[in-house]
């Protein structure tokens, strides 16, 4: 089986500062990979490089198509969903308008795997606040909106950057249910997450980043057995 996403020798920069130093990573169709590491290890930069948001060199292939040099909206149209750490909702548009912007044209595409009803079932508050401006939502509600909008884009792969950071337990549970639904419907996932308990429930593979490189890549089972990796690169005893 050919990988859905294949990254080879990827380097990336912010201005003159190099943030990625030869990252290679593969994700198979329907596979969920947890990308873990300390703050500053390069995880968010990798997500942005996949989405064409930073200067990069190397190779990123998605479904046999090179993503290098493409703009973010072109990458999204190929089937890559992105939930950024900053959420990036459109604050002056209503919740419903934000959701509708996530729905791609259906011409020539398969039947949608995710609908507005799915979004409202997973996150009832989005139905209740459909006419509310997104900028007036709480941080947790904005994160729900960002995840729901990504679902409605009907992606084959979704890149999710720290979806539960700073959120209350009830919101985290709703987000975890949404990510579980992604897996059940065959969507591949690159999950950047500090909470290892959530990564453990959702991912079948773990990649650890340190100093802009992948320092471990293996099954969840092998990751659990590697105390040396967790101690050195995550600070977990």
C-alpha atoms as a PDB file:
ATOM      1  CA  UNK A   1       0.000   0.000   0.000  1.00  0.00           C
ATOM      2  CA  UNK A   2       1.333   3.422  -0.916  1.00  0.00           C
ATOM      3  CA  UNK A   3       1.468   5.955   1.932  1.00  0.00           C
ATOM      4  CA  UNK A   4      -1.128   8.701   1.934  1.00  0.00           C
ATOM      5  CA  UNK A   5       1.417  11.244   3.193  1.00  0.00           C
ATOM      6  CA  UNK A   6       5.132  10.839   2.608  1.00  0.00           C
ATOM      7  CA  UNK A   7       7.626  13.407   3.893  1.00  0.00           C
ATOM      8  CA  UNK A   8      11.283  13.056   2.998  1.00  0.00           C
ATOM      9  CA  UNK A   9      14.272  15.071   4.220  1.00  0.00           C
ATOM     10  CA  UNK A  10      12.101  18.096   5.002  1.00  0.00           C
ATOM     11  CA  UNK A  11      13.805  21.263   6.183  1.00  0.00           C
ATOM     12  CA  UNK A  12      11.997  24.471   7.103  1.00  0.00           C
ATOM     13  CA  UNK A  13      12.889  27.983   8.183  1.00  0.00           C
ATOM     14  CA  UNK A  14      11.441  31.011   9.924  1.00  0.00           C
ATOM     15  CA  UNK A  15      13.438  33.765   8.294  1.00  0.00           C
ATOM     16  CA  UNK A  16      17.095  32.801   8.716  1.00  0.00           C
ATOM     17  CA  UNK A  17      16.370  30.398  11.587  1.00  0.00           C
ATOM     18  CA  UNK A  18      16.126  26.727  10.608  1.00  0.00           C
ATOM     19  CA  UNK A  19      13.387  24.869  12.499  1.00  0.00           C
ATOM     20  CA  UNK A  20      13.276  21.461  10.756  1.00  0.00           C
ATOM     21  CA  UNK A  21      16.425  19.479  10.001  1.00  0.00           C
ATOM     22  CA  UNK A  22      15.633  16.652   7.602  1.00  0.00           C
ATOM     23  CA  UNK A  23      12.296  15.265   8.812  1.00  0.00           C
ATOM     24  CA  UNK A  24      11.018  12.061   7.181  1.00  0.00           C
ATOM     25  CA  UNK A  25       7.594  10.635   8.050  1.00  0.00           C
ATOM     26  CA  UNK A  26       4.972   8.401   6.406  1.00  0.00           C
ATOM     27  CA  UNK A  27       1.269   8.104   7.180  1.00  0.00           C
ATOM     28  CA  UNK A  28      -0.805   5.322   5.637  1.00  0.00           C
ATOM     29  CA  UNK A  29      -4.445   5.758   4.572  1.00  0.00           C
ATOM     30  CA  UNK A  30      -6.664   5.734   7.660  1.00  0.00           C
ATOM     31  CA  UNK A  31      -3.709   5.687  10.058  1.00  0.00           C
ATOM     32  CA  UNK A  32      -3.523   7.910  13.128  1.00  0.00           C
ATOM     33  CA  UNK A  33      -0.061   9.097  14.132  1.00  0.00           C
ATOM     34  CA  UNK A  34       0.584  11.023  17.348  1.00  0.00           C
ATOM     35  CA  UNK A  35       3.367  13.590  17.001  1.00  0.00           C
ATOM     36  CA  UNK A  36       4.769  14.359  20.439  1.00  0.00           C
ATOM     37  CA  UNK A  37       7.683  16.331  21.812  1.00  0.00           C
ATOM     38  CA  UNK A  38       8.578  19.276  23.977  1.00  0.00           C
ATOM     39  CA  UNK A  39       7.574  22.825  23.085  1.00  0.00           C
ATOM     40  CA  UNK A  40       9.977  24.134  20.462  1.00  0.00           C
ATOM     41  CA  UNK A  41      10.785  20.674  19.102  1.00  0.00           C
ATOM     42  CA  UNK A  42       9.373  21.507  15.669  1.00  0.00           C
ATOM     43  CA  UNK A  43       5.960  19.830  15.766  1.00  0.00           C
ATOM     44  CA  UNK A  44       3.890  22.902  14.838  1.00  0.00           C
ATOM     45  CA  UNK A  45       6.445  23.865  12.198  1.00  0.00           C
ATOM     46  CA  UNK A  46       6.009  20.453  10.595  1.00  0.00           C
ATOM     47  CA  UNK A  47       2.235  20.962  10.501  1.00  0.00           C
ATOM     48  CA  UNK A  48       2.683  24.390   8.900  1.00  0.00           C
ATOM     49  CA  UNK A  49       5.172  23.000   6.378  1.00  0.00           C
ATOM     50  CA  UNK A  50       2.658  20.352   5.300  1.00  0.00           C
ATOM     51  CA  UNK A  51       0.118  23.145   4.766  1.00  0.00           C
ATOM     52  CA  UNK A  52       2.528  25.323   2.793  1.00  0.00           C
ATOM     53  CA  UNK A  53       2.729  28.016   5.465  1.00  0.00           C
ATOM     54  CA  UNK A  54       6.526  28.189   5.989  1.00  0.00           C
ATOM     55  CA  UNK A  55       9.545  28.190   3.702  1.00  0.00           C
ATOM     56  CA  UNK A  56      10.615  24.599   3.208  1.00  0.00           C
ATOM     57  CA  UNK A  57      12.811  22.303   1.136  1.00  0.00           C
ATOM     58  CA  UNK A  58      12.602  18.562   0.673  1.00  0.00           C
ATOM     59  CA  UNK A  59       9.649  16.458  -0.415  1.00  0.00           C
ATOM     60  CA  UNK A  60       6.035  16.224   0.757  1.00  0.00           C
ATOM     61  CA  UNK A  61       3.813  13.875  -1.231  1.00  0.00           C
ATOM     62  CA  UNK A  62       0.107  13.445  -0.620  1.00  0.00           C
ATOM     63  CA  UNK A  63      -1.777  10.771  -2.528  1.00  0.00           C
ATOM     64  CA  UNK A  64       0.932  10.812  -5.178  1.00  0.00           C
ATOM     65  CA  UNK A  65       0.848  14.615  -5.598  1.00  0.00           C
ATOM     66  CA  UNK A  66       3.684  16.876  -4.463  1.00  0.00           C
ATOM     67  CA  UNK A  67       2.587  19.550  -2.008  1.00  0.00           C
ATOM     68  CA  UNK A  68       5.797  21.531  -2.329  1.00  0.00           C
ATOM     69  CA  UNK A  69       5.134  24.995  -3.709  1.00  0.00           C
ATOM     70  CA  UNK A  70       1.353  24.743  -3.397  1.00  0.00           C
ATOM     71  CA  UNK A  71      -0.667  27.346  -1.531  1.00  0.00           C
ATOM     72  CA  UNK A  72      -2.595  26.430   1.596  1.00  0.00           C
ATOM     73  CA  UNK A  73      -6.037  26.486  -0.042  1.00  0.00           C
ATOM     74  CA  UNK A  74      -4.756  24.251  -2.863  1.00  0.00           C
ATOM     75  CA  UNK A  75      -3.460  21.741  -0.319  1.00  0.00           C
ATOM     76  CA  UNK A  76      -6.812  21.821   1.487  1.00  0.00           C
ATOM     77  CA  UNK A  77      -8.646  21.137  -1.781  1.00  0.00           C
ATOM     78  CA  UNK A  78      -6.546  18.004  -2.296  1.00  0.00           C
ATOM     79  CA  UNK A  79      -8.002  16.600   0.937  1.00  0.00           C
ATOM     80  CA  UNK A  80      -5.779  17.809   3.773  1.00  0.00           C
ATOM     81  CA  UNK A  81      -7.675  19.312   6.709  1.00  0.00           C
ATOM     82  CA  UNK A  82      -5.905  21.523   9.239  1.00  0.00           C
ATOM     83  CA  UNK A  83      -6.859  22.519  12.760  1.00  0.00           C
ATOM     84  CA  UNK A  84      -4.252  25.075  13.877  1.00  0.00           C
ATOM     85  CA  UNK A  85      -3.292  25.651  17.481  1.00  0.00           C
ATOM     86  CA  UNK A  86      -4.644  29.224  17.231  1.00  0.00           C
ATOM     87  CA  UNK A  87      -8.047  27.920  15.949  1.00  0.00           C
ATOM     88  CA  UNK A  88      -8.251  30.644  13.242  1.00  0.00           C
ATOM     89  CA  UNK A  89     -12.029  30.969  13.030  1.00  0.00           C
ATOM     90  CA  UNK A  90     -13.484  33.918  11.116  1.00  0.00           C
ATOM     91  CA  UNK A  91     -14.494  36.131  14.048  1.00  0.00           C
ATOM     92  CA  UNK A  92     -16.912  38.435  12.198  1.00  0.00           C
ATOM     93  CA  UNK A  93     -18.857  35.556  10.624  1.00  0.00           C
ATOM     94  CA  UNK A  94     -21.477  33.518  12.445  1.00  0.00           C
ATOM     95  CA  UNK A  95     -20.912  29.966  13.593  1.00  0.00           C
ATOM     96  CA  UNK A  96     -23.073  28.674  10.747  1.00  0.00           C
ATOM     97  CA  UNK A  97     -21.231  30.784   8.169  1.00  0.00           C
ATOM     98  CA  UNK A  98     -17.900  29.454   9.440  1.00  0.00           C
ATOM     99  CA  UNK A  99     -19.162  25.884   9.081  1.00  0.00           C
ATOM    100  CA  UNK A 100     -20.562  26.425   5.600  1.00  0.00           C
ATOM    101  CA  UNK A 101     -17.212  27.810   4.447  1.00  0.00           C
ATOM    102  CA  UNK A 102     -15.687  24.438   5.294  1.00  0.00           C
ATOM    103  CA  UNK A 103     -17.940  22.482   2.909  1.00  0.00           C
ATOM    104  CA  UNK A 104     -16.249  21.893  -0.474  1.00  0.00           C
ATOM    105  CA  UNK A 105     -18.149  21.765  -3.794  1.00  0.00           C
ATOM    106  CA  UNK A 106     -19.521  18.271  -4.275  1.00  0.00           C
ATOM    107  CA  UNK A 107     -19.179  18.190  -8.072  1.00  0.00           C
ATOM    108  CA  UNK A 108     -17.127  15.152  -9.054  1.00  0.00           C
ATOM    109  CA  UNK A 109     -16.471  14.160  -5.441  1.00  0.00           C
ATOM    110  CA  UNK A 110     -17.666  11.153  -3.469  1.00  0.00           C
ATOM    111  CA  UNK A 111     -20.610  11.468  -1.114  1.00  0.00           C
ATOM    112  CA  UNK A 112     -19.680  13.493   1.958  1.00  0.00           C
ATOM    113  CA  UNK A 113     -18.510  11.503   4.975  1.00  0.00           C
ATOM    114  CA  UNK A 114     -19.399  14.341   7.349  1.00  0.00           C
ATOM    115  CA  UNK A 115     -22.456  16.581   7.426  1.00  0.00           C
ATOM    116  CA  UNK A 116     -23.744  19.541   9.398  1.00  0.00           C
ATOM    117  CA  UNK A 117     -25.825  17.067  11.394  1.00  0.00           C
ATOM    118  CA  UNK A 118     -22.608  15.274  12.406  1.00  0.00           C
ATOM    119  CA  UNK A 119     -21.102  18.577  13.539  1.00  0.00           C
ATOM    120  CA  UNK A 120     -24.199  19.457  15.551  1.00  0.00           C
ATOM    121  CA  UNK A 121     -24.411  15.983  17.109  1.00  0.00           C
ATOM    122  CA  UNK A 122     -20.778  16.079  18.200  1.00  0.00           C
ATOM    123  CA  UNK A 123     -20.934  19.704  19.346  1.00  0.00           C
ATOM    124  CA  UNK A 124     -24.537  20.675  20.239  1.00  0.00           C
ATOM    125  CA  UNK A 125     -23.415  24.172  21.239  1.00  0.00           C
ATOM    126  CA  UNK A 126     -22.660  24.927  17.583  1.00  0.00           C
ATOM    127  CA  UNK A 127     -26.337  24.435  16.726  1.00  0.00           C
ATOM    128  CA  UNK A 128     -27.400  26.505  19.730  1.00  0.00           C
ATOM    129  CA  UNK A 129     -25.061  29.345  18.770  1.00  0.00           C
ATOM    130  CA  UNK A 130     -25.460  29.099  15.005  1.00  0.00           C
ATOM    131  CA  UNK A 131     -26.187  32.829  14.620  1.00  0.00           C
ATOM    132  CA  UNK A 132     -23.513  33.977  17.071  1.00  0.00           C
ATOM    133  CA  UNK A 133     -20.389  35.664  15.718  1.00  0.00           C
ATOM    134  CA  UNK A 134     -17.465  33.282  16.081  1.00  0.00           C
ATOM    135  CA  UNK A 135     -15.405  35.981  17.780  1.00  0.00           C
ATOM    136  CA  UNK A 136     -17.865  35.963  20.699  1.00  0.00           C
ATOM    137  CA  UNK A 137     -17.363  32.249  21.428  1.00  0.00           C
ATOM    138  CA  UNK A 138     -15.266  30.945  24.289  1.00  0.00           C
ATOM    139  CA  UNK A 139     -11.913  29.345  23.542  1.00  0.00           C
ATOM    140  CA  UNK A 140     -13.408  25.866  23.866  1.00  0.00           C
ATOM    141  CA  UNK A 141     -16.300  26.703  21.570  1.00  0.00           C
ATOM    142  CA  UNK A 142     -13.918  28.146  18.989  1.00  0.00           C
ATOM    143  CA  UNK A 143     -11.913  24.931  19.092  1.00  0.00           C
ATOM    144  CA  UNK A 144     -15.084  22.896  18.544  1.00  0.00           C
ATOM    145  CA  UNK A 145     -15.911  25.142  15.592  1.00  0.00           C
ATOM    146  CA  UNK A 146     -12.430  24.746  14.120  1.00  0.00           C
ATOM    147  CA  UNK A 147     -12.564  20.945  14.387  1.00  0.00           C
ATOM    148  CA  UNK A 148     -16.115  20.792  12.981  1.00  0.00           C
ATOM    149  CA  UNK A 149     -15.155  22.997  10.037  1.00  0.00           C
ATOM    150  CA  UNK A 150     -12.224  20.677   9.278  1.00  0.00           C
ATOM    151  CA  UNK A 151     -14.566  17.664   9.358  1.00  0.00           C
ATOM    152  CA  UNK A 152     -16.949  19.308   6.909  1.00  0.00           C
ATOM    153  CA  UNK A 153     -14.060  19.734   4.471  1.00  0.00           C
ATOM    154  CA  UNK A 154     -14.269  15.934   4.056  1.00  0.00           C
ATOM    155  CA  UNK A 155     -10.494  15.404   4.351  1.00  0.00           C
ATOM    156  CA  UNK A 156      -8.533  12.208   3.733  1.00  0.00           C
ATOM    157  CA  UNK A 157      -5.961  13.457   6.242  1.00  0.00           C
ATOM    158  CA  UNK A 158      -6.406  15.939   9.056  1.00  0.00           C
ATOM    159  CA  UNK A 159      -3.480  17.662  10.777  1.00  0.00           C
ATOM    160  CA  UNK A 160      -4.519  18.722  14.280  1.00  0.00           C
ATOM    161  CA  UNK A 161      -2.247  20.922  16.381  1.00  0.00           C
ATOM    162  CA  UNK A 162      -2.786  20.744  20.164  1.00  0.00           C
ATOM    163  CA  UNK A 163      -6.597  20.456  20.024  1.00  0.00           C
ATOM    164  CA  UNK A 164      -7.096  20.144  23.791  1.00  0.00           C
ATOM    165  CA  UNK A 165      -4.589  22.733  25.033  1.00  0.00           C
ATOM    166  CA  UNK A 166      -6.035  24.789  27.890  1.00  0.00           C
ATOM    167  CA  UNK A 167      -9.560  23.384  27.608  1.00  0.00           C
ATOM    168  CA  UNK A 168     -11.922  22.113  30.296  1.00  0.00           C
ATOM    169  CA  UNK A 169     -12.432  18.394  30.743  1.00  0.00           C
ATOM    170  CA  UNK A 170     -15.945  18.340  29.255  1.00  0.00           C
ATOM    171  CA  UNK A 171     -14.748  20.090  26.081  1.00  0.00           C
ATOM    172  CA  UNK A 172     -11.771  17.738  25.830  1.00  0.00           C
ATOM    173  CA  UNK A 173     -14.159  14.760  25.963  1.00  0.00           C
ATOM    174  CA  UNK A 174     -16.258  16.180  23.122  1.00  0.00           C
ATOM    175  CA  UNK A 175     -13.173  16.813  21.009  1.00  0.00           C
ATOM    176  CA  UNK A 176     -11.903  13.294  21.684  1.00  0.00           C
ATOM    177  CA  UNK A 177     -15.266  11.913  20.496  1.00  0.00           C
ATOM    178  CA  UNK A 178     -14.954  13.923  17.273  1.00  0.00           C
ATOM    179  CA  UNK A 179     -11.457  12.625  16.636  1.00  0.00           C
ATOM    180  CA  UNK A 180     -12.657   9.073  17.322  1.00  0.00           C
ATOM    181  CA  UNK A 181     -15.342   9.559  14.670  1.00  0.00           C
ATOM    182  CA  UNK A 182     -12.661  10.651  12.212  1.00  0.00           C
ATOM    183  CA  UNK A 183     -10.830   7.390  12.781  1.00  0.00           C
ATOM    184  CA  UNK A 184     -13.992   5.312  12.460  1.00  0.00           C
ATOM    185  CA  UNK A 185     -14.730   6.883   9.074  1.00  0.00           C
ATOM    186  CA  UNK A 186     -11.308   6.149   7.687  1.00  0.00           C
ATOM    187  CA  UNK A 187      -9.705   9.580   7.903  1.00  0.00           C
ATOM    188  CA  UNK A 188      -5.946   9.574   8.529  1.00  0.00           C
ATOM    189  CA  UNK A 189      -4.702  11.815  11.307  1.00  0.00           C
ATOM    190  CA  UNK A 190      -1.528  13.575  12.379  1.00  0.00           C
ATOM    191  CA  UNK A 191      -2.290  14.490  15.985  1.00  0.00           C
ATOM    192  CA  UNK A 192       0.036  16.942  17.731  1.00  0.00           C
ATOM    193  CA  UNK A 193      -0.846  16.521  21.379  1.00  0.00           C
ATOM    194  CA  UNK A 194       0.865  16.910  24.744  1.00  0.00           C
ATOM    195  CA  UNK A 195      -1.689  14.776  26.591  1.00  0.00           C
ATOM    196  CA  UNK A 196      -0.328  11.268  26.146  1.00  0.00           C
ATOM    197  CA  UNK A 197      -3.555   9.733  27.451  1.00  0.00           C
ATOM    198  CA  UNK A 198      -5.493  11.146  24.492  1.00  0.00           C
ATOM    199  CA  UNK A 199      -2.798  10.159  22.008  1.00  0.00           C
ATOM    200  CA  UNK A 200      -2.830   6.654  23.487  1.00  0.00           C
ATOM    201  CA  UNK A 201      -6.572   6.295  22.826  1.00  0.00           C
ATOM    202  CA  UNK A 202      -6.503   7.599  19.270  1.00  0.00           C
ATOM    203  CA  UNK A 203      -3.163   6.777  17.673  1.00  0.00           C
ATOM    204  CA  UNK A 204      -1.657   3.477  16.598  1.00  0.00           C
ATOM    205  CA  UNK A 205       1.768   4.993  15.955  1.00  0.00           C
ATOM    206  CA  UNK A 206       3.916   7.589  17.703  1.00  0.00           C
ATOM    207  CA  UNK A 207       6.560   9.893  16.265  1.00  0.00           C
ATOM    208  CA  UNK A 208       8.688  11.869  18.713  1.00  0.00           C
ATOM    209  CA  UNK A 209      10.329  15.125  17.672  1.00  0.00           C
ATOM    210  CA  UNK A 210      13.387  16.735  19.188  1.00  0.00           C
ATOM    211  CA  UNK A 211      15.495  19.614  17.879  1.00  0.00           C
ATOM    212  CA  UNK A 212      13.637  19.670  14.567  1.00  0.00           C
ATOM    213  CA  UNK A 213      14.093  15.964  13.822  1.00  0.00           C
ATOM    214  CA  UNK A 214      12.168  12.718  14.289  1.00  0.00           C
ATOM    215  CA  UNK A 215      14.017  10.902  17.073  1.00  0.00           C
ATOM    216  CA  UNK A 216      11.606   7.974  17.440  1.00  0.00           C
ATOM    217  CA  UNK A 217       8.958   6.488  15.153  1.00  0.00           C
ATOM    218  CA  UNK A 218       7.200   3.296  16.110  1.00  0.00           C
ATOM    219  CA  UNK A 219       4.054   1.582  17.320  1.00  0.00           C
ATOM    220  CA  UNK A 220       2.240   2.784  20.404  1.00  0.00           C
ATOM    221  CA  UNK A 221       3.221  -0.479  22.092  1.00  0.00           C
ATOM    222  CA  UNK A 222       6.925   0.012  21.411  1.00  0.00           C
ATOM    223  CA  UNK A 223       6.699   3.657  22.490  1.00  0.00           C
ATOM    224  CA  UNK A 224       5.253   2.636  25.866  1.00  0.00           C
ATOM    225  CA  UNK A 225       8.226   0.350  26.444  1.00  0.00           C
ATOM    226  CA  UNK A 226      10.841   3.021  25.693  1.00  0.00           C
ATOM    227  CA  UNK A 227      11.393   4.817  28.984  1.00  0.00           C
ATOM    228  CA  UNK A 228      14.644   6.224  27.592  1.00  0.00           C
ATOM    229  CA  UNK A 229      12.731   8.041  24.828  1.00  0.00           C
ATOM    230  CA  UNK A 230      10.075   9.493  27.124  1.00  0.00           C
ATOM    231  CA  UNK A 231      12.642  10.612  29.688  1.00  0.00           C
ATOM    232  CA  UNK A 232      15.054  12.221  27.235  1.00  0.00           C
ATOM    233  CA  UNK A 233      12.634  13.817  24.777  1.00  0.00           C
ATOM    234  CA  UNK A 234       9.413  14.319  26.745  1.00  0.00           C
ATOM    235  CA  UNK A 235      10.636  14.683  30.315  1.00  0.00           C
ATOM    236  CA  UNK A 236       8.307  11.877  31.444  1.00  0.00           C
ATOM    237  CA  UNK A 237       9.614   9.418  34.009  1.00  0.00           C
END
